[in-house]
Amino acid sequence: MSIFHLAYHVDDLTKARAFYRDTLGCPEGRSTDTWVDYNFFGHQISLHLGTPFLAENTGKVGKHMVPMPHLGVILPMAEWQTLADRLAQHNVHFELDPQIRFAGQPGEQATMFFRDPAGNPIEIKGFADMTTVFDT
């Protein structure tokens, strides 16, 4: 099994810590005064102080325009629902509310989009059957 690593900028580590650790529930790893690592659902992200990447709603998926670029993770459906509920309890603003897309089609999935405090867009997908992630 491979673990994905992604490093990107945030403009405030205190706000980022509150969001990734407390709101998303990601365990914190190593850090300095300019960056912090997180276990992002089994993958490593590194948040570095700097100017966040520019993201615009230019990606057309179904009827929706989604932020590009964005990062995310695919979770089993029960974990996805638990996270969606947690985000709602923390009053996170959804750019795309939790919903099912491609219903009844190959690759049927749950999805939700939101942004971290620095404006970095995040998509979390959920699959009832993880073996269908790549179905066409």
N, C-alpha and C. Protein backbone atom coordinates (compact mmCIF):
# COMPACT_ATOMS: atom_id res chain seq x y z
N MET A 1 0.84 -1.18 0.00
CA MET A 1 0.00 0.00 0.00
C MET A 1 0.88 1.24 0.00
N SER A 2 0.53 2.20 -0.81
CA SER A 2 1.24 3.48 -0.86
C SER A 2 0.51 4.52 -0.05
N ILE A 3 1.27 5.46 0.48
CA ILE A 3 0.69 6.59 1.20
C ILE A 3 1.00 7.84 0.40
N PHE A 4 -0.02 8.62 0.10
CA PHE A 4 0.14 9.83 -0.68
C PHE A 4 0.63 10.97 0.20
N HIS A 5 1.50 11.83 -0.33
CA HIS A 5 1.99 13.01 0.37
C HIS A 5 1.70 14.23 -0.48
N LEU A 6 1.19 15.29 0.17
CA LEU A 6 0.94 16.55 -0.51
C LEU A 6 1.31 17.68 0.44
N ALA A 7 2.10 18.63 -0.04
CA ALA A 7 2.47 19.81 0.74
C ALA A 7 1.89 21.03 0.04
N TYR A 8 1.28 21.92 0.81
CA TYR A 8 0.71 23.14 0.24
C TYR A 8 0.68 24.23 1.29
N HIS A 9 0.38 25.44 0.82
CA HIS A 9 0.45 26.61 1.69
C HIS A 9 -0.86 26.91 2.41
N VAL A 10 -0.69 27.41 3.62
CA VAL A 10 -1.77 28.04 4.39
C VAL A 10 -1.22 29.37 4.88
N ASP A 11 -2.10 30.30 5.18
CA ASP A 11 -1.63 31.62 5.59
C ASP A 11 -1.63 31.83 7.11
N ASP A 12 -2.10 30.84 7.87
CA ASP A 12 -2.15 30.97 9.33
C ASP A 12 -2.14 29.56 9.93
N LEU A 13 -1.03 29.19 10.56
CA LEU A 13 -0.92 27.84 11.12
C LEU A 13 -1.86 27.62 12.31
N THR A 14 -2.14 28.65 13.08
CA THR A 14 -3.05 28.48 14.22
C THR A 14 -4.45 28.12 13.72
N LYS A 15 -4.94 28.85 12.72
CA LYS A 15 -6.26 28.53 12.15
C LYS A 15 -6.24 27.18 11.46
N ALA A 16 -5.16 26.88 10.76
CA ALA A 16 -5.06 25.59 10.08
C ALA A 16 -5.10 24.45 11.09
N ARG A 17 -4.36 24.60 12.19
CA ARG A 17 -4.35 23.56 13.22
C ARG A 17 -5.76 23.34 13.78
N ALA A 18 -6.45 24.41 14.08
CA ALA A 18 -7.81 24.29 14.61
C ALA A 18 -8.70 23.55 13.63
N PHE A 19 -8.54 23.81 12.35
CA PHE A 19 -9.40 23.18 11.35
C PHE A 19 -9.03 21.71 11.12
N TYR A 20 -7.78 21.46 10.78
CA TYR A 20 -7.38 20.09 10.43
C TYR A 20 -7.41 19.16 11.65
N ARG A 21 -6.95 19.63 12.78
CA ARG A 21 -6.90 18.79 13.98
C ARG A 21 -8.27 18.71 14.65
N ASP A 22 -8.88 19.86 14.92
CA ASP A 22 -10.10 19.88 15.73
C ASP A 22 -11.37 19.65 14.92
N THR A 23 -11.47 20.26 13.75
CA THR A 23 -12.69 20.12 12.94
C THR A 23 -12.68 18.83 12.13
N LEU A 24 -11.59 18.57 11.40
CA LEU A 24 -11.52 17.35 10.59
C LEU A 24 -11.15 16.13 11.42
N GLY A 25 -10.48 16.34 12.55
CA GLY A 25 -10.08 15.22 13.40
C GLY A 25 -8.82 14.52 12.94
N CYS A 26 -7.96 15.22 12.19
CA CYS A 26 -6.72 14.63 11.69
C CYS A 26 -5.62 14.73 12.75
N PRO A 27 -4.96 13.61 13.06
CA PRO A 27 -3.87 13.65 14.03
C PRO A 27 -2.69 14.47 13.51
N GLU A 28 -2.13 15.29 14.40
CA GLU A 28 -0.99 16.13 14.03
C GLU A 28 0.29 15.33 14.17
N GLY A 29 1.23 15.60 13.25
CA GLY A 29 2.55 14.96 13.28
C GLY A 29 3.62 15.98 13.61
N ARG A 30 4.76 15.86 12.95
CA ARG A 30 5.87 16.77 13.17
C ARG A 30 5.49 18.19 12.77
N SER A 31 6.19 19.17 13.40
CA SER A 31 5.94 20.56 13.04
C SER A 31 7.12 21.43 13.44
N THR A 32 7.16 22.61 12.85
CA THR A 32 8.10 23.66 13.24
C THR A 32 7.26 24.93 13.35
N ASP A 33 7.92 26.06 13.41
CA ASP A 33 7.16 27.32 13.45
C ASP A 33 6.66 27.73 12.07
N THR A 34 7.04 27.00 11.00
CA THR A 34 6.60 27.36 9.64
C THR A 34 5.82 26.27 8.92
N TRP A 35 5.70 25.07 9.51
CA TRP A 35 4.92 24.01 8.86
C TRP A 35 4.45 22.99 9.89
N VAL A 36 3.44 22.21 9.48
CA VAL A 36 2.90 21.15 10.33
C VAL A 36 2.41 20.02 9.44
N ASP A 37 2.68 18.78 9.86
CA ASP A 37 2.21 17.59 9.15
C ASP A 37 0.94 17.05 9.80
N TYR A 38 0.10 16.45 8.97
CA TYR A 38 -1.12 15.79 9.46
C TYR A 38 -1.30 14.43 8.82
N ASN A 39 -1.88 13.53 9.58
CA ASN A 39 -2.36 12.27 9.04
C ASN A 39 -3.76 12.58 8.49
N PHE A 40 -3.83 12.76 7.18
CA PHE A 40 -5.06 13.13 6.49
C PHE A 40 -5.72 11.84 5.99
N PHE A 41 -6.44 11.18 6.91
CA PHE A 41 -7.17 9.95 6.59
C PHE A 41 -6.24 8.89 6.02
N GLY A 42 -5.07 8.74 6.65
CA GLY A 42 -4.12 7.72 6.24
C GLY A 42 -3.06 8.20 5.27
N HIS A 43 -3.11 9.47 4.89
CA HIS A 43 -2.13 10.06 3.98
C HIS A 43 -1.47 11.25 4.67
N GLN A 44 -0.31 11.65 4.17
CA GLN A 44 0.41 12.75 4.81
C GLN A 44 0.24 14.05 4.04
N ILE A 45 -0.24 15.07 4.74
CA ILE A 45 -0.23 16.41 4.18
C ILE A 45 0.69 17.27 5.04
N SER A 46 1.35 18.21 4.41
CA SER A 46 2.24 19.15 5.09
C SER A 46 1.77 20.56 4.77
N LEU A 47 1.39 21.28 5.80
CA LEU A 47 0.89 22.65 5.63
C LEU A 47 2.03 23.60 5.95
N HIS A 48 2.41 24.40 4.96
CA HIS A 48 3.52 25.34 5.09
C HIS A 48 2.99 26.76 5.04
N LEU A 49 3.57 27.63 5.83
CA LEU A 49 3.18 29.05 5.77
C LEU A 49 3.54 29.62 4.40
N GLY A 50 2.59 30.31 3.79
CA GLY A 50 2.81 30.91 2.48
C GLY A 50 1.49 31.34 1.89
N THR A 51 1.52 31.66 0.62
CA THR A 51 0.32 32.08 -0.10
C THR A 51 -0.40 30.85 -0.64
N PRO A 52 -1.64 30.61 -0.21
CA PRO A 52 -2.39 29.44 -0.70
C PRO A 52 -2.54 29.48 -2.22
N PHE A 53 -2.69 28.31 -2.82
CA PHE A 53 -2.84 28.25 -4.28
C PHE A 53 -4.18 28.84 -4.70
N LEU A 54 -4.18 29.42 -5.89
CA LEU A 54 -5.40 30.01 -6.45
C LEU A 54 -6.31 28.88 -6.92
N ALA A 55 -7.53 28.90 -6.49
CA ALA A 55 -8.51 27.90 -6.91
C ALA A 55 -9.76 28.60 -7.39
N GLU A 56 -10.25 28.17 -8.54
CA GLU A 56 -11.47 28.74 -9.12
C GLU A 56 -12.42 27.62 -9.50
N ASN A 57 -13.70 27.93 -9.52
CA ASN A 57 -14.72 26.93 -9.86
C ASN A 57 -14.78 26.76 -11.38
N THR A 58 -13.80 26.03 -11.90
CA THR A 58 -13.69 25.82 -13.34
C THR A 58 -13.85 24.37 -13.75
N GLY A 59 -14.00 23.46 -12.79
CA GLY A 59 -14.15 22.04 -13.11
C GLY A 59 -15.61 21.66 -13.20
N LYS A 60 -16.05 21.23 -14.38
CA LYS A 60 -17.45 20.85 -14.55
C LYS A 60 -17.61 19.36 -14.29
N VAL A 61 -18.39 19.03 -13.26
CA VAL A 61 -18.69 17.64 -12.91
C VAL A 61 -20.20 17.54 -12.81
N GLY A 62 -20.81 16.83 -13.75
CA GLY A 62 -22.27 16.77 -13.78
C GLY A 62 -22.83 18.16 -14.00
N LYS A 63 -23.71 18.60 -13.11
CA LYS A 63 -24.32 19.93 -13.21
C LYS A 63 -23.56 20.99 -12.42
N HIS A 64 -22.46 20.61 -11.79
CA HIS A 64 -21.77 21.51 -10.87
C HIS A 64 -20.41 21.97 -11.39
N MET A 65 -20.06 23.20 -11.03
CA MET A 65 -18.72 23.71 -11.27
C MET A 65 -17.99 23.61 -9.93
N VAL A 66 -16.89 22.88 -9.92
CA VAL A 66 -16.18 22.62 -8.68
C VAL A 66 -14.83 23.33 -8.70
N PRO A 67 -14.29 23.61 -7.50
CA PRO A 67 -13.01 24.33 -7.43
C PRO A 67 -11.86 23.49 -7.98
N MET A 68 -11.04 24.15 -8.76
CA MET A 68 -9.84 23.52 -9.32
C MET A 68 -8.67 24.43 -9.04
N PRO A 69 -7.53 23.89 -8.65
CA PRO A 69 -7.35 22.51 -8.21
C PRO A 69 -7.95 22.31 -6.83
N HIS A 70 -8.07 21.05 -6.43
CA HIS A 70 -8.52 20.72 -5.09
C HIS A 70 -7.85 19.42 -4.66
N LEU A 71 -7.88 19.16 -3.36
CA LEU A 71 -7.35 17.92 -2.83
C LEU A 71 -8.48 17.20 -2.12
N GLY A 72 -8.24 15.96 -1.81
CA GLY A 72 -9.29 15.24 -1.10
C GLY A 72 -8.91 13.81 -0.82
N VAL A 73 -9.92 13.06 -0.44
CA VAL A 73 -9.74 11.66 -0.08
C VAL A 73 -11.05 10.93 -0.35
N ILE A 74 -10.94 9.64 -0.55
CA ILE A 74 -12.11 8.78 -0.74
C ILE A 74 -12.24 7.89 0.49
N LEU A 75 -13.42 7.91 1.09
CA LEU A 75 -13.68 7.15 2.31
C LEU A 75 -14.79 6.13 2.09
N PRO A 76 -14.80 5.06 2.88
CA PRO A 76 -15.98 4.19 2.89
C PRO A 76 -17.19 5.03 3.32
N MET A 77 -18.36 4.66 2.83
CA MET A 77 -19.56 5.49 3.01
C MET A 77 -19.86 5.81 4.48
N ALA A 78 -19.72 4.87 5.38
CA ALA A 78 -20.03 5.14 6.79
C ALA A 78 -19.09 6.21 7.35
N GLU A 79 -17.81 6.15 7.00
CA GLU A 79 -16.85 7.17 7.46
C GLU A 79 -17.15 8.52 6.83
N TRP A 80 -17.55 8.50 5.54
CA TRP A 80 -17.92 9.74 4.85
C TRP A 80 -19.09 10.41 5.57
N GLN A 81 -20.12 9.63 5.91
CA GLN A 81 -21.30 10.19 6.58
C GLN A 81 -20.94 10.74 7.94
N THR A 82 -20.10 10.03 8.69
CA THR A 82 -19.66 10.51 10.00
C THR A 82 -18.94 11.84 9.87
N LEU A 83 -18.07 11.96 8.86
CA LEU A 83 -17.34 13.21 8.64
C LEU A 83 -18.30 14.32 8.20
N ALA A 84 -19.23 14.02 7.32
CA ALA A 84 -20.21 15.03 6.88
C ALA A 84 -20.99 15.56 8.08
N ASP A 85 -21.39 14.68 8.97
CA ASP A 85 -22.11 15.09 10.17
C ASP A 85 -21.21 15.95 11.07
N ARG A 86 -19.96 15.54 11.22
CA ARG A 86 -19.02 16.30 12.06
C ARG A 86 -18.81 17.71 11.51
N LEU A 87 -18.64 17.81 10.20
CA LEU A 87 -18.44 19.13 9.59
C LEU A 87 -19.67 20.01 9.77
N ALA A 88 -20.85 19.43 9.63
CA ALA A 88 -22.09 20.19 9.84
C ALA A 88 -22.18 20.67 11.29
N GLN A 89 -21.80 19.81 12.24
CA GLN A 89 -21.83 20.20 13.66
C GLN A 89 -20.85 21.33 13.95
N HIS A 90 -19.76 21.41 13.17
CA HIS A 90 -18.78 22.48 13.33
C HIS A 90 -19.10 23.69 12.47
N ASN A 91 -20.30 23.69 11.86
CA ASN A 91 -20.77 24.79 11.03
C ASN A 91 -19.84 25.14 9.88
N VAL A 92 -19.23 24.11 9.29
CA VAL A 92 -18.38 24.31 8.12
C VAL A 92 -19.28 24.67 6.94
N HIS A 93 -18.89 25.69 6.19
CA HIS A 93 -19.64 26.08 4.99
C HIS A 93 -19.29 25.13 3.86
N PHE A 94 -20.29 24.49 3.28
CA PHE A 94 -20.08 23.59 2.15
C PHE A 94 -20.23 24.37 0.85
N GLU A 95 -19.23 24.26 -0.01
CA GLU A 95 -19.36 24.82 -1.36
C GLU A 95 -20.28 23.94 -2.19
N LEU A 96 -20.22 22.65 -1.93
CA LEU A 96 -21.14 21.69 -2.53
C LEU A 96 -21.60 20.81 -1.38
N ASP A 97 -22.88 20.95 -1.03
CA ASP A 97 -23.43 20.20 0.10
C ASP A 97 -23.24 18.70 -0.08
N PRO A 98 -23.13 17.98 1.03
CA PRO A 98 -23.04 16.52 0.93
C PRO A 98 -24.20 15.96 0.12
N GLN A 99 -23.86 15.12 -0.86
CA GLN A 99 -24.86 14.59 -1.77
C GLN A 99 -24.33 13.37 -2.50
N ILE A 100 -25.25 12.66 -3.16
CA ILE A 100 -24.89 11.51 -4.00
C ILE A 100 -24.89 11.98 -5.45
N ARG A 101 -23.83 11.61 -6.16
CA ARG A 101 -23.81 11.91 -7.60
C ARG A 101 -23.58 10.61 -8.36
N PHE A 102 -24.00 10.64 -9.61
CA PHE A 102 -23.96 9.47 -10.49
C PHE A 102 -24.78 8.32 -9.92
N ALA A 103 -25.91 8.66 -9.28
CA ALA A 103 -26.78 7.65 -8.65
C ALA A 103 -27.20 6.60 -9.67
N GLY A 104 -27.05 5.33 -9.27
CA GLY A 104 -27.45 4.22 -10.12
C GLY A 104 -26.50 3.94 -11.27
N GLN A 105 -25.40 4.69 -11.36
CA GLN A 105 -24.44 4.51 -12.45
C GLN A 105 -23.15 3.92 -11.90
N PRO A 106 -22.30 3.39 -12.79
CA PRO A 106 -20.99 2.97 -12.31
C PRO A 106 -20.27 4.16 -11.67
N GLY A 107 -19.63 3.91 -10.57
CA GLY A 107 -18.93 4.99 -9.89
C GLY A 107 -19.82 5.86 -9.02
N GLU A 108 -21.05 5.39 -8.71
CA GLU A 108 -21.92 6.16 -7.82
C GLU A 108 -21.14 6.52 -6.55
N GLN A 109 -21.26 7.77 -6.13
CA GLN A 109 -20.46 8.24 -5.00
C GLN A 109 -21.14 9.36 -4.25
N ALA A 110 -20.79 9.48 -3.01
CA ALA A 110 -21.16 10.65 -2.23
C ALA A 110 -20.03 11.65 -2.38
N THR A 111 -20.35 12.94 -2.29
CA THR A 111 -19.32 13.96 -2.39
C THR A 111 -19.72 15.16 -1.55
N MET A 112 -18.72 15.93 -1.18
CA MET A 112 -18.92 17.22 -0.53
C MET A 112 -17.65 18.04 -0.76
N PHE A 113 -17.84 19.34 -0.93
CA PHE A 113 -16.73 20.27 -1.09
C PHE A 113 -16.81 21.35 -0.03
N PHE A 114 -15.66 21.70 0.51
CA PHE A 114 -15.55 22.80 1.47
C PHE A 114 -14.13 23.34 1.37
N ARG A 115 -13.85 24.42 2.06
CA ARG A 115 -12.51 25.01 2.03
C ARG A 115 -11.95 25.08 3.44
N ASP A 116 -10.62 24.97 3.53
CA ASP A 116 -9.97 25.18 4.82
C ASP A 116 -9.91 26.68 5.10
N PRO A 117 -9.46 27.11 6.26
CA PRO A 117 -9.45 28.54 6.58
C PRO A 117 -8.61 29.40 5.64
N ALA A 118 -7.64 28.78 4.93
CA ALA A 118 -6.82 29.52 3.97
C ALA A 118 -7.47 29.58 2.59
N GLY A 119 -8.62 28.92 2.43
CA GLY A 119 -9.31 28.91 1.14
C GLY A 119 -8.97 27.74 0.25
N ASN A 120 -8.16 26.79 0.74
CA ASN A 120 -7.82 25.61 -0.06
C ASN A 120 -9.04 24.69 -0.15
N PRO A 121 -9.48 24.36 -1.39
CA PRO A 121 -10.65 23.51 -1.53
C PRO A 121 -10.35 22.04 -1.28
N ILE A 122 -11.29 21.39 -0.61
CA ILE A 122 -11.16 19.98 -0.25
C ILE A 122 -12.44 19.26 -0.69
N GLU A 123 -12.27 18.13 -1.35
CA GLU A 123 -13.40 17.27 -1.69
C GLU A 123 -13.24 15.96 -0.95
N ILE A 124 -14.30 15.53 -0.31
CA ILE A 124 -14.32 14.23 0.32
C ILE A 124 -15.39 13.40 -0.39
N LYS A 125 -14.96 12.25 -0.91
CA LYS A 125 -15.88 11.33 -1.58
C LYS A 125 -16.14 10.14 -0.68
N GLY A 126 -17.31 9.53 -0.86
CA GLY A 126 -17.66 8.32 -0.15
C GLY A 126 -18.18 7.28 -1.11
N PHE A 127 -17.77 6.04 -0.92
CA PHE A 127 -18.24 4.93 -1.76
C PHE A 127 -18.80 3.84 -0.87
N ALA A 128 -19.94 3.31 -1.28
CA ALA A 128 -20.54 2.18 -0.57
C ALA A 128 -19.69 0.92 -0.78
N ASP A 129 -19.05 0.84 -1.94
CA ASP A 129 -18.20 -0.30 -2.28
C ASP A 129 -16.90 0.25 -2.85
N MET A 130 -15.84 0.20 -2.06
CA MET A 130 -14.56 0.80 -2.48
C MET A 130 -13.98 0.13 -3.72
N THR A 131 -14.45 -1.08 -4.08
CA THR A 131 -13.94 -1.73 -5.29
C THR A 131 -14.51 -1.08 -6.55
N THR A 132 -15.48 -0.16 -6.42
CA THR A 132 -16.09 0.47 -7.60
C THR A 132 -15.55 1.86 -7.88
N VAL A 133 -14.51 2.28 -7.15
CA VAL A 133 -13.98 3.63 -7.31
C VAL A 133 -13.60 3.93 -8.76
N PHE A 134 -13.05 2.96 -9.46
CA PHE A 134 -12.57 3.20 -10.82
C PHE A 134 -13.52 2.67 -11.90
N ASP A 135 -14.73 2.30 -11.51
CA ASP A 135 -15.70 1.80 -12.51
C ASP A 135 -16.07 2.89 -13.50
N THR A 136 -16.31 2.46 -14.74
CA THR A 136 -16.71 3.40 -15.81
C THR A 136 -18.03 2.99 -16.39
